PDB file of all heavy atoms in Angstrom:
ATOM      1  N   GLY A   1      -6.318  80.529 103.651  1.00  0.00           N
ATOM      2  CA  GLY A   1      -5.684  80.572 102.332  1.00  0.00           C
ATOM      3  C   GLY A   1      -5.683  81.963 101.690  1.00  0.00           C
ATOM      4  O   GLY A   1      -4.660  82.361 101.084  1.00  0.00           O
ATOM      5  N   LYS A   2      -6.697  82.746 101.966  1.00  0.00           N
ATOM      6  CA  LYS A   2      -6.843  84.088 101.381  1.00  0.00           C
ATOM      7  C   LYS A   2      -5.769  84.965 102.113  1.00  0.00           C
ATOM      8  O   LYS A   2      -5.146  85.883 101.439  1.00  0.00           O
ATOM      9  CB  LYS A   2      -8.225  84.685 101.571  1.00  0.00           C
ATOM     10  CG  LYS A   2      -9.217  84.005 100.615  1.00  0.00           C
ATOM     11  CD  LYS A   2     -10.607  84.415 100.974  1.00  0.00           C
ATOM     12  CE  LYS A   2     -10.906  85.973 100.740  1.00  0.00           C
ATOM     13  NZ  LYS A   2     -12.332  86.279 100.954  1.00  0.00           N
ATOM     14  N   GLU A   3      -5.602  84.757 103.372  1.00  0.00           N
ATOM     15  CA  GLU A   3      -4.625  85.599 104.166  1.00  0.00           C
ATOM     16  C   GLU A   3      -3.246  85.463 103.602  1.00  0.00           C
ATOM     17  O   GLU A   3      -2.481  86.450 103.572  1.00  0.00           O
ATOM     18  CB  GLU A   3      -4.624  85.105 105.621  1.00  0.00           C
ATOM     19  CG  GLU A   3      -5.657  85.758 106.430  1.00  0.00           C
ATOM     20  CD  GLU A   3      -5.434  85.369 107.945  1.00  0.00           C
ATOM     21  OE1 GLU A   3      -4.259  85.494 108.399  1.00  0.00           O
ATOM     22  OE2 GLU A   3      -6.417  85.050 108.560  1.00  0.00           O
ATOM     23  N   ILE A   4      -2.841  84.221 103.153  1.00  0.00           N
ATOM     24  CA  ILE A   4      -1.438  84.029 102.671  1.00  0.00           C
ATOM     25  C   ILE A   4      -1.366  84.327 101.140  1.00  0.00           C
ATOM     26  O   ILE A   4      -0.265  84.136 100.595  1.00  0.00           O
ATOM     27  CB  ILE A   4      -0.921  82.630 103.021  1.00  0.00           C
ATOM     28  CG1 ILE A   4      -1.704  81.568 102.335  1.00  0.00           C
ATOM     29  CG2 ILE A   4      -0.932  82.455 104.526  1.00  0.00           C
ATOM     30  CD1 ILE A   4      -1.104  80.133 102.473  1.00  0.00           C
ATOM     31  N   GLY A   5      -2.448  84.666 100.499  1.00  0.00           N
ATOM     32  CA  GLY A   5      -2.346  85.086  99.094  1.00  0.00           C
ATOM     33  C   GLY A   5      -2.820  84.034  98.080  1.00  0.00           C
ATOM     34  O   GLY A   5      -2.550  84.213  96.938  1.00  0.00           O
ATOM     35  N   LEU A   6      -3.528  83.000  98.522  1.00  0.00           N
ATOM     36  CA  LEU A   6      -4.032  82.034  97.533  1.00  0.00           C
ATOM     37  C   LEU A   6      -5.311  82.536  96.874  1.00  0.00           C
ATOM     38  O   LEU A   6      -6.090  83.162  97.508  1.00  0.00           O
ATOM     39  CB  LEU A   6      -4.324  80.703  98.273  1.00  0.00           C
ATOM     40  CG  LEU A   6      -2.979  79.961  98.756  1.00  0.00           C
ATOM     41  CD1 LEU A   6      -3.420  78.763  99.603  1.00  0.00           C
ATOM     42  CD2 LEU A   6      -2.109  79.612  97.629  1.00  0.00           C
ATOM     43  N   PRO A   7      -5.484  82.162  95.619  1.00  0.00           N
ATOM     44  CA  PRO A   7      -6.752  82.590  94.921  1.00  0.00           C
ATOM     45  C   PRO A   7      -8.000  82.015  95.514  1.00  0.00           C
ATOM     46  O   PRO A   7      -8.012  80.844  95.815  1.00  0.00           O
ATOM     47  CB  PRO A   7      -6.457  82.090  93.450  1.00  0.00           C
ATOM     48  CG  PRO A   7      -5.020  81.786  93.378  1.00  0.00           C
ATOM     49  CD  PRO A   7      -4.538  81.383  94.711  1.00  0.00           C
ATOM     50  N   GLU A   8      -8.936  82.902  95.711  1.00  0.00           N
ATOM     51  CA  GLU A   8     -10.238  82.465  96.364  1.00  0.00           C
ATOM     52  C   GLU A   8     -10.891  81.403  95.540  1.00  0.00           C
ATOM     53  O   GLU A   8     -11.471  80.391  96.104  1.00  0.00           O
ATOM     54  CB  GLU A   8     -11.199  83.609  96.524  1.00  0.00           C
ATOM     55  CG  GLU A   8     -12.431  83.290  97.326  1.00  0.00           C
ATOM     56  CD  GLU A   8     -13.236  84.487  97.663  1.00  0.00           C
ATOM     57  OE1 GLU A   8     -12.899  85.614  97.189  1.00  0.00           O
ATOM     58  OE2 GLU A   8     -14.310  84.293  98.339  1.00  0.00           O
ATOM     59  N   SER A   9     -10.866  81.453  94.207  1.00  0.00           N
ATOM     60  CA  SER A   9     -11.490  80.478  93.342  1.00  0.00           C
ATOM     61  C   SER A   9     -10.845  79.079  93.637  1.00  0.00           C
ATOM     62  O   SER A   9     -11.660  78.056  93.660  1.00  0.00           O
ATOM     63  CB  SER A   9     -11.388  80.833  91.886  1.00  0.00           C
ATOM     64  OG  SER A   9      -9.994  80.896  91.512  1.00  0.00           O
ATOM     65  N   GLU A  10      -9.570  78.970  93.746  1.00  0.00           N
ATOM     66  CA  GLU A  10      -8.929  77.696  93.995  1.00  0.00           C
ATOM     67  C   GLU A  10      -9.163  77.177  95.384  1.00  0.00           C
ATOM     68  O   GLU A  10      -9.296  75.991  95.622  1.00  0.00           O
ATOM     69  CB  GLU A  10      -7.434  77.799  93.750  1.00  0.00           C
ATOM     70  CG  GLU A  10      -7.109  78.064  92.296  1.00  0.00           C
ATOM     71  CD  GLU A  10      -5.513  78.046  92.009  1.00  0.00           C
ATOM     72  OE1 GLU A  10      -4.848  77.248  92.653  1.00  0.00           O
ATOM     73  OE2 GLU A  10      -5.114  78.831  91.229  1.00  0.00           O
ATOM     74  N   LEU A  11      -9.317  78.113  96.314  1.00  0.00           N
ATOM     75  CA  LEU A  11      -9.693  77.707  97.729  1.00  0.00           C
ATOM     76  C   LEU A  11     -11.027  77.096  97.840  1.00  0.00           C
ATOM     77  O   LEU A  11     -11.294  76.111  98.476  1.00  0.00           O
ATOM     78  CB  LEU A  11      -9.535  78.937  98.618  1.00  0.00           C
ATOM     79  CG  LEU A  11      -8.079  79.413  98.929  1.00  0.00           C
ATOM     80  CD1 LEU A  11      -8.098  80.796  99.514  1.00  0.00           C
ATOM     81  CD2 LEU A  11      -7.357  78.432  99.813  1.00  0.00           C
ATOM     82  N   LYS A  12     -12.006  77.719  97.069  1.00  0.00           N
ATOM     83  CA  LYS A  12     -13.382  77.236  97.113  1.00  0.00           C
ATOM     84  C   LYS A  12     -13.404  75.867  96.433  1.00  0.00           C
ATOM     85  O   LYS A  12     -14.154  74.949  96.865  1.00  0.00           O
ATOM     86  CB  LYS A  12     -14.284  78.172  96.491  1.00  0.00           C
ATOM     87  CG  LYS A  12     -14.498  79.439  97.307  1.00  0.00           C
ATOM     88  CD  LYS A  12     -15.551  80.434  96.672  1.00  0.00           C
ATOM     89  CE  LYS A  12     -15.819  81.553  97.605  1.00  0.00           C
ATOM     90  NZ  LYS A  12     -16.813  82.576  97.040  1.00  0.00           N
ATOM     91  N   GLU A  13     -12.662  75.711  95.385  1.00  0.00           N
ATOM     92  CA  GLU A  13     -12.601  74.370  94.712  1.00  0.00           C
ATOM     93  C   GLU A  13     -12.001  73.355  95.644  1.00  0.00           C
ATOM     94  O   GLU A  13     -12.467  72.223  95.675  1.00  0.00           O
ATOM     95  CB  GLU A  13     -11.801  74.535  93.449  1.00  0.00           C
ATOM     96  CG  GLU A  13     -11.696  73.195  92.685  1.00  0.00           C
ATOM     97  CD  GLU A  13     -10.834  73.304  91.381  1.00  0.00           C
ATOM     98  OE1 GLU A  13     -10.390  74.438  91.066  1.00  0.00           O
ATOM     99  OE2 GLU A  13     -10.565  72.294  90.820  1.00  0.00           O
ATOM    100  N   LEU A  14     -11.065  73.736  96.367  1.00  0.00           N
ATOM    101  CA  LEU A  14     -10.348  72.857  97.375  1.00  0.00           C
ATOM    102  C   LEU A  14     -11.326  72.272  98.327  1.00  0.00           C
ATOM    103  O   LEU A  14     -11.380  71.090  98.598  1.00  0.00           O
ATOM    104  CB  LEU A  14      -9.171  73.559  98.031  1.00  0.00           C
ATOM    105  CG  LEU A  14      -8.423  72.715  99.037  1.00  0.00           C
ATOM    106  CD1 LEU A  14      -7.424  71.886  98.386  1.00  0.00           C
ATOM    107  CD2 LEU A  14      -7.715  73.680 100.082  1.00  0.00           C
ATOM    108  N   VAL A  15     -12.072  73.191  98.999  1.00  0.00           N
ATOM    109  CA  VAL A  15     -12.998  72.732 100.071  1.00  0.00           C
ATOM    110  C   VAL A  15     -14.195  71.989  99.588  1.00  0.00           C
ATOM    111  O   VAL A  15     -14.893  71.426 100.444  1.00  0.00           O
ATOM    112  CB  VAL A  15     -13.308  73.940 101.026  1.00  0.00           C
ATOM    113  CG1 VAL A  15     -12.063  74.499 101.673  1.00  0.00           C
ATOM    114  CG2 VAL A  15     -14.088  74.978 100.293  1.00  0.00           C
ATOM    115  N   ASN A  16     -14.465  72.170  98.325  1.00  0.00           N
ATOM    116  CA  ASN A  16     -15.615  71.477  97.779  1.00  0.00           C
ATOM    117  C   ASN A  16     -15.318  70.229  96.978  1.00  0.00           C
ATOM    118  O   ASN A  16     -16.096  69.754  96.201  1.00  0.00           O
ATOM    119  CB  ASN A  16     -16.461  72.423  96.927  1.00  0.00           C
ATOM    120  CG  ASN A  16     -17.166  73.508  97.708  1.00  0.00           C
ATOM    121  OD1 ASN A  16     -17.931  73.217  98.635  1.00  0.00           O
ATOM    122  ND2 ASN A  16     -16.949  74.733  97.360  1.00  0.00           N
ATOM    123  N   SER A  17     -14.083  69.774  97.178  1.00  0.00           N
ATOM    124  CA  SER A  17     -13.590  68.570  96.471  1.00  0.00           C
ATOM    125  C   SER A  17     -12.594  67.875  97.290  1.00  0.00           C
ATOM    126  O   SER A  17     -12.372  68.177  98.428  1.00  0.00           O
ATOM    127  CB  SER A  17     -12.976  68.992  95.093  1.00  0.00           C
ATOM    128  OG  SER A  17     -11.762  69.670  95.363  1.00  0.00           O
ATOM    129  N   GLN A  18     -11.988  66.882  96.677  1.00  0.00           N
ATOM    130  CA  GLN A  18     -10.868  66.145  97.337  1.00  0.00           C
ATOM    131  C   GLN A  18      -9.522  66.469  96.570  1.00  0.00           C
ATOM    132  O   GLN A  18      -8.649  65.669  96.553  1.00  0.00           O
ATOM    133  CB  GLN A  18     -11.139  64.654  97.386  1.00  0.00           C
ATOM    134  CG  GLN A  18     -12.103  64.168  98.440  1.00  0.00           C
ATOM    135  CD  GLN A  18     -11.565  64.541  99.803  1.00  0.00           C
ATOM    136  OE1 GLN A  18     -10.458  64.159 100.243  1.00  0.00           O
ATOM    137  NE2 GLN A  18     -12.302  65.347 100.631  1.00  0.00           N
ATOM    138  N   ALA A  19      -9.486  67.683  96.057  1.00  0.00           N
ATOM    139  CA  ALA A  19      -8.269  68.130  95.386  1.00  0.00           C
ATOM    140  C   ALA A  19      -6.974  67.979  96.262  1.00  0.00           C
ATOM    141  O   ALA A  19      -7.135  68.328  97.458  1.00  0.00           O
ATOM    142  CB  ALA A  19      -8.398  69.542  94.849  1.00  0.00           C
ATOM    143  N   PHE A  20      -5.920  67.541  95.720  1.00  0.00           N
ATOM    144  CA  PHE A  20      -4.664  67.376  96.362  1.00  0.00           C
ATOM    145  C   PHE A  20      -4.636  66.294  97.408  1.00  0.00           C
ATOM    146  O   PHE A  20      -3.651  66.068  98.114  1.00  0.00           O
ATOM    147  CB  PHE A  20      -4.214  68.702  97.032  1.00  0.00           C
ATOM    148  CG  PHE A  20      -3.942  69.817  96.111  1.00  0.00           C
ATOM    149  CD1 PHE A  20      -4.905  70.754  95.714  1.00  0.00           C
ATOM    150  CD2 PHE A  20      -2.770  69.796  95.368  1.00  0.00           C
ATOM    151  CE1 PHE A  20      -4.691  71.715  94.787  1.00  0.00           C
ATOM    152  CE2 PHE A  20      -2.436  70.891  94.440  1.00  0.00           C
ATOM    153  CZ  PHE A  20      -3.390  71.770  94.134  1.00  0.00           C
ATOM    154  N   ALA A  21      -5.744  65.554  97.553  1.00  0.00           N
ATOM    155  CA  ALA A  21      -5.724  64.349  98.457  1.00  0.00           C
ATOM    156  C   ALA A  21      -4.644  63.302  98.048  1.00  0.00           C
ATOM    157  O   ALA A  21      -3.928  62.805  98.952  1.00  0.00           O
ATOM    158  CB  ALA A  21      -7.088  63.716  98.505  1.00  0.00           C
ATOM    159  N   PRO A  22      -4.466  63.063  96.776  1.00  0.00           N
ATOM    160  CA  PRO A  22      -3.414  62.118  96.419  1.00  0.00           C
ATOM    161  C   PRO A  22      -2.017  62.614  96.799  1.00  0.00           C
ATOM    162  O   PRO A  22      -1.207  61.841  97.106  1.00  0.00           O
ATOM    163  CB  PRO A  22      -3.585  62.042  94.908  1.00  0.00           C
ATOM    164  CG  PRO A  22      -4.985  62.425  94.594  1.00  0.00           C
ATOM    165  CD  PRO A  22      -5.331  63.481  95.624  1.00  0.00           C
ATOM    166  N   ASP A  23      -1.818  63.963  96.808  1.00  0.00           N
ATOM    167  CA  ASP A  23      -0.510  64.471  97.122  1.00  0.00           C
ATOM    168  C   ASP A  23      -0.264  64.270  98.548  1.00  0.00           C
ATOM    169  O   ASP A  23       0.931  63.980  99.002  1.00  0.00           O
ATOM    170  CB  ASP A  23      -0.481  66.023  96.795  1.00  0.00           C
ATOM    171  CG  ASP A  23      -0.748  66.336  95.331  1.00  0.00           C
ATOM    172  OD1 ASP A  23      -1.903  66.402  94.958  1.00  0.00           O
ATOM    173  OD2 ASP A  23       0.223  66.450  94.595  1.00  0.00           O
ATOM    174  N   VAL A  24      -1.264  64.463  99.405  1.00  0.00           N
ATOM    175  CA  VAL A  24      -1.075  64.236 100.860  1.00  0.00           C
ATOM    176  C   VAL A  24      -0.776  62.787 101.156  1.00  0.00           C
ATOM    177  O   VAL A  24       0.183  62.465 101.865  1.00  0.00           O
ATOM    178  CB  VAL A  24      -2.389  64.627 101.620  1.00  0.00           C
ATOM    179  CG1 VAL A  24      -2.279  64.295 103.097  1.00  0.00           C
ATOM    180  CG2 VAL A  24      -2.692  66.161 101.464  1.00  0.00           C
ATOM    181  N   LYS A  25      -1.535  61.930 100.455  1.00  0.00           N
ATOM    182  CA  LYS A  25      -1.295  60.460 100.713  1.00  0.00           C
ATOM    183  C   LYS A  25       0.063  60.030 100.188  1.00  0.00           C
ATOM    184  O   LYS A  25       0.728  59.158 100.793  1.00  0.00           O
ATOM    185  CB  LYS A  25      -2.400  59.700  99.919  1.00  0.00           C
ATOM    186  CG  LYS A  25      -3.805  59.826 100.602  1.00  0.00           C
ATOM    187  CD  LYS A  25      -4.831  59.141  99.738  1.00  0.00           C
ATOM    188  CE  LYS A  25      -6.238  59.375 100.326  1.00  0.00           C
ATOM    189  NZ  LYS A  25      -7.303  58.715  99.531  1.00  0.00           N
ATOM    190  N   ARG A  26       0.486  60.681  99.059  1.00  0.00           N
ATOM    191  CA  ARG A  26       1.801  60.288  98.551  1.00  0.00           C
ATOM    192  C   ARG A  26       2.887  60.715  99.549  1.00  0.00           C
ATOM    193  O   ARG A  26       3.882  59.980  99.712  1.00  0.00           O
ATOM    194  CB  ARG A  26       2.005  61.061  97.238  1.00  0.00           C
ATOM    195  CG  ARG A  26       3.299  60.618  96.431  1.00  0.00           C
ATOM    196  CD  ARG A  26       3.444  61.299  95.082  1.00  0.00           C
ATOM    197  NE  ARG A  26       2.181  61.207  94.351  1.00  0.00           N
ATOM    198  CZ  ARG A  26       1.365  62.237  93.974  1.00  0.00           C
ATOM    199  NH1 ARG A  26       1.606  63.454  94.395  1.00  0.00           N
ATOM    200  NH2 ARG A  26       0.299  62.005  93.245  1.00  0.00           N
ATOM    201  N   ASP A  27       2.777  61.874 100.142  1.00  0.00           N
ATOM    202  CA  ASP A  27       3.789  62.294 101.150  1.00  0.00           C
ATOM    203  C   ASP A  27       3.785  61.355 102.311  1.00  0.00           C
ATOM    204  O   ASP A  27       4.924  61.018 102.825  1.00  0.00           O
ATOM    205  CB  ASP A  27       3.425  63.719 101.675  1.00  0.00           C
ATOM    206  CG  ASP A  27       3.968  64.859 100.787  1.00  0.00           C
ATOM    207  OD1 ASP A  27       4.604  64.484  99.789  1.00  0.00           O
ATOM    208  OD2 ASP A  27       3.686  66.005 101.015  1.00  0.00           O
ATOM    209  N   ILE A  28       2.659  60.918 102.762  1.00  0.00           N
ATOM    210  CA  ILE A  28       2.587  60.013 103.899  1.00  0.00           C
ATOM    211  C   ILE A  28       3.226  58.675 103.548  1.00  0.00           C
ATOM    212  O   ILE A  28       3.950  58.041 104.366  1.00  0.00           O
ATOM    213  CB  ILE A  28       1.170  59.851 104.362  1.00  0.00           C
ATOM    214  CG1 ILE A  28       0.583  61.216 104.981  1.00  0.00           C
ATOM    215  CG2 ILE A  28       1.019  58.762 105.427  1.00  0.00           C
ATOM    216  CD1 ILE A  28      -0.827  61.291 105.239  1.00  0.00           C
ATOM    217  N   GLN A  29       2.915  58.213 102.344  1.00  0.00           N
ATOM    218  CA  GLN A  29       3.535  56.912 101.942  1.00  0.00           C
ATOM    219  C   GLN A  29       5.084  57.029 101.785  1.00  0.00           C
ATOM    220  O   GLN A  29       5.752  56.067 102.117  1.00  0.00           O
ATOM    221  CB  GLN A  29       2.815  56.495 100.582  1.00  0.00           C
ATOM    222  CG  GLN A  29       1.387  56.081 100.731  1.00  0.00           C
ATOM    223  CD  GLN A  29       0.723  55.946  99.359  1.00  0.00           C
ATOM    224  OE1 GLN A  29       1.270  56.290  98.305  1.00  0.00           O
ATOM    225  NE2 GLN A  29      -0.525  55.570  99.389  1.00  0.00           N
ATOM    226  N   GLU A  30       5.508  58.142 101.286  1.00  0.00           N
ATOM    227  CA  GLU A  30       6.938  58.301 101.136  1.00  0.00           C
ATOM    228  C   GLU A  30       7.591  58.418 102.442  1.00  0.00           C
ATOM    229  O   GLU A  30       8.693  57.879 102.658  1.00  0.00           O
ATOM    230  CB  GLU A  30       7.195  59.616 100.384  1.00  0.00           C
ATOM    231  CG  GLU A  30       8.676  59.762  99.938  1.00  0.00           C
ATOM    232  CD  GLU A  30       8.874  60.914  98.921  1.00  0.00           C
ATOM    233  OE1 GLU A  30       7.987  61.703  98.803  1.00  0.00           O
ATOM    234  OE2 GLU A  30       9.989  60.913  98.339  1.00  0.00           O
ATOM    235  N   ALA A  31       6.949  59.033 103.464  1.00  0.00           N
ATOM    236  CA  ALA A  31       7.542  59.011 104.787  1.00  0.00           C
ATOM    237  C   ALA A  31       7.715  57.587 105.312  1.00  0.00           C
ATOM    238  O   ALA A  31       8.761  57.237 105.922  1.00  0.00           O
ATOM    239  CB  ALA A  31       6.618  59.791 105.782  1.00  0.00           C
ATOM    240  N   SER A  32       6.679  56.736 105.110  1.00  0.00           N
ATOM    241  CA  SER A  32       6.785  55.377 105.560  1.00  0.00           C
ATOM    242  C   SER A  32       7.900  54.683 104.848  1.00  0.00           C
ATOM    243  O   SER A  32       8.651  53.918 105.507  1.00  0.00           O
ATOM    244  CB  SER A  32       5.444  54.689 105.259  1.00  0.00           C
ATOM    245  OG  SER A  32       5.472  53.296 105.599  1.00  0.00           O
ATOM    246  N   ALA A  33       8.089  54.928 103.538  1.00  0.00           N
ATOM    247  CA  ALA A  33       9.172  54.241 102.725  1.00  0.00           C
ATOM    248  C   ALA A  33      10.524  54.627 103.259  1.00  0.00           C
ATOM    249  O   ALA A  33      11.427  53.912 103.227  1.00  0.00           O
ATOM    250  CB  ALA A  33       8.995  54.603 101.316  1.00  0.00           C
ATOM    251  N   LEU A  34      10.615  55.927 103.749  1.00  0.00           N
ATOM    252  CA  LEU A  34      11.902  56.381 104.286  1.00  0.00           C
ATOM    253  C   LEU A  34      12.157  55.995 105.740  1.00  0.00           C
ATOM    254  O   LEU A  34      13.198  56.341 106.270  1.00  0.00           O
ATOM    255  CB  LEU A  34      11.941  57.959 104.150  1.00  0.00           C
ATOM    256  CG  LEU A  34      12.072  58.512 102.707  1.00  0.00           C
ATOM    257  CD1 LEU A  34      11.871  60.024 102.783  1.00  0.00           C
ATOM    258  CD2 LEU A  34      13.428  58.144 102.155  1.00  0.00           C
ATOM    259  N   GLY A  35      11.128  55.389 106.350  1.00  0.00           N
ATOM    260  CA  GLY A  35      11.299  54.977 107.684  1.00  0.00           C
ATOM    261  C   GLY A  35      10.962  56.059 108.714  1.00  0.00           C
ATOM    262  O   GLY A  35      11.343  55.950 109.849  1.00  0.00           O
ATOM    263  N   ILE A  36      10.272  57.030 108.289  1.00  0.00           N
ATOM    264  CA  ILE A  36       9.850  58.173 109.165  1.00  0.00           C
ATOM    265  C   ILE A  36       8.548  57.767 109.900  1.00  0.00           C
ATOM    266  O   ILE A  36       7.507  57.545 109.344  1.00  0.00           O
ATOM    267  CB  ILE A  36       9.594  59.449 108.363  1.00  0.00           C
ATOM    268  CG1 ILE A  36      10.856  59.872 107.646  1.00  0.00           C
ATOM    269  CG2 ILE A  36       9.082  60.563 109.251  1.00  0.00           C
ATOM    270  CD1 ILE A  36      10.659  61.020 106.561  1.00  0.00           C
ATOM    271  N   ASN A  37       8.672  57.720 111.263  1.00  0.00           N
ATOM    272  CA  ASN A  37       7.506  57.380 112.058  1.00  0.00           C
ATOM    273  C   ASN A  37       7.133  58.360 113.086  1.00  0.00           C
ATOM    274  O   ASN A  37       6.387  58.152 114.017  1.00  0.00           O
ATOM    275  CB  ASN A  37       7.731  55.937 112.668  1.00  0.00           C
ATOM    276  CG  ASN A  37       9.022  55.836 113.414  1.00  0.00           C
ATOM    277  OD1 ASN A  37       9.519  56.791 113.961  1.00  0.00           O
ATOM    278  ND2 ASN A  37       9.526  54.657 113.524  1.00  0.00           N
ATOM    279  N   GLY A  38       7.776  59.504 112.990  1.00  0.00           N
ATOM    280  CA  GLY A  38       7.522  60.619 113.917  1.00  0.00           C
ATOM    281  C   GLY A  38       7.989  61.956 113.268  1.00  0.00           C
ATOM    282  O   GLY A  38       8.824  61.973 112.355  1.00  0.00           O
ATOM    283  N   VAL A  39       7.373  63.067 113.685  1.00  0.00           N
ATOM    284  CA  VAL A  39       7.647  64.349 113.161  1.00  0.00           C
ATOM    285  C   VAL A  39       7.883  65.311 114.268  1.00  0.00           C
ATOM    286  O   VAL A  39       7.427  65.188 115.381  1.00  0.00           O
ATOM    287  CB  VAL A  39       6.566  64.844 112.173  1.00  0.00           C
ATOM    288  CG1 VAL A  39       6.478  64.047 110.886  1.00  0.00           C
ATOM    289  CG2 VAL A  39       5.182  64.782 112.883  1.00  0.00           C
ATOM    290  N   PRO A  40       8.700  66.412 113.959  1.00  0.00           N
ATOM    291  CA  PRO A  40       9.217  66.780 112.628  1.00  0.00           C
ATOM    292  C   PRO A  40      10.348  65.882 112.207  1.00  0.00           C
ATOM    293  O   PRO A  40      11.098  65.331 113.052  1.00  0.00           O
ATOM    294  CB  PRO A  40       9.660  68.225 112.829  1.00  0.00           C
ATOM    295  CG  PRO A  40      10.093  68.239 114.297  1.00  0.00           C
ATOM    296  CD  PRO A  40       9.132  67.387 115.032  1.00  0.00           C
ATOM    297  N   PHE A  41      10.489  65.739 110.957  1.00  0.00           N
ATOM    298  CA  PHE A  41      11.679  64.951 110.396  1.00  0.00           C
ATOM    299  C   PHE A  41      12.207  65.770 109.174  1.00  0.00           C
ATOM    300  O   PHE A  41      11.470  66.110 108.251  1.00  0.00           O
ATOM    301  CB  PHE A  41      11.221  63.599 109.954  1.00  0.00           C
ATOM    302  CG  PHE A  41      12.394  62.669 109.769  1.00  0.00           C
ATOM    303  CD1 PHE A  41      12.682  61.793 110.823  1.00  0.00           C
ATOM    304  CD2 PHE A  41      13.127  62.626 108.628  1.00  0.00           C
ATOM    305  CE1 PHE A  41      13.760  60.890 110.722  1.00  0.00           C
ATOM    306  CE2 PHE A  41      14.212  61.756 108.480  1.00  0.00           C
ATOM    307  CZ  PHE A  41      14.532  60.882 109.520  1.00  0.00           C
ATOM    308  N   PHE A  42      13.536  66.048 109.281  1.00  0.00           N
ATOM    309  CA  PHE A  42      14.177  66.870 108.239  1.00  0.00           C
ATOM    310  C   PHE A  42      15.121  65.983 107.329  1.00  0.00           C
ATOM    311  O   PHE A  42      15.937  65.223 107.956  1.00  0.00           O
ATOM    312  CB  PHE A  42      15.004  67.935 108.925  1.00  0.00           C
ATOM    313  CG  PHE A  42      14.174  68.916 109.811  1.00  0.00           C
ATOM    314  CD1 PHE A  42      13.703  68.515 111.021  1.00  0.00           C
ATOM    315  CD2 PHE A  42      13.989  70.197 109.289  1.00  0.00           C
ATOM    316  CE1 PHE A  42      13.010  69.373 111.836  1.00  0.00           C
ATOM    317  CE2 PHE A  42      13.165  71.042 110.189  1.00  0.00           C
ATOM    318  CZ  PHE A  42      12.712  70.642 111.357  1.00  0.00           C
ATOM    319  N   VAL A  43      14.970  66.043 106.082  1.00  0.00           N
ATOM    320  CA  VAL A  43      15.849  65.249 105.130  1.00  0.00           C
ATOM    321  C   VAL A  43      16.678  66.284 104.310  1.00  0.00           C
ATOM    322  O   VAL A  43      16.130  67.066 103.620  1.00  0.00           O
ATOM    323  CB  VAL A  43      14.978  64.346 104.304  1.00  0.00           C
ATOM    324  CG1 VAL A  43      15.911  63.597 103.290  1.00  0.00           C
ATOM    325  CG2 VAL A  43      14.244  63.336 105.089  1.00  0.00           C
ATOM    326  N   PHE A  44      17.940  66.145 104.380  1.00  0.00           N
ATOM    327  CA  PHE A  44      18.911  67.009 103.732  1.00  0.00           C
ATOM    328  C   PHE A  44      19.469  66.307 102.459  1.00  0.00           C
ATOM    329  O   PHE A  44      20.253  65.310 102.611  1.00  0.00           O
ATOM    330  CB  PHE A  44      20.017  67.431 104.613  1.00  0.00           C
ATOM    331  CG  PHE A  44      19.574  68.212 105.864  1.00  0.00           C
ATOM    332  CD1 PHE A  44      18.908  67.592 106.911  1.00  0.00           C
ATOM    333  CD2 PHE A  44      19.835  69.589 105.868  1.00  0.00           C
ATOM    334  CE1 PHE A  44      18.575  68.327 108.020  1.00  0.00           C
ATOM    335  CE2 PHE A  44      19.440  70.314 107.018  1.00  0.00           C
ATOM    336  CZ  PHE A  44      18.767  69.723 108.008  1.00  0.00           C
TER     337      PHE A  44
END
């Protein structure tokens, strides 16, 4: 994260919590709703 320019404070908060877990789950659920069962999958 530091290599690509993310703030160290936010990175430390990330690894010491479950921050953004709902976002990951939302993406996975949306994939299922769209019928995506394999990756990569591109939607235009």
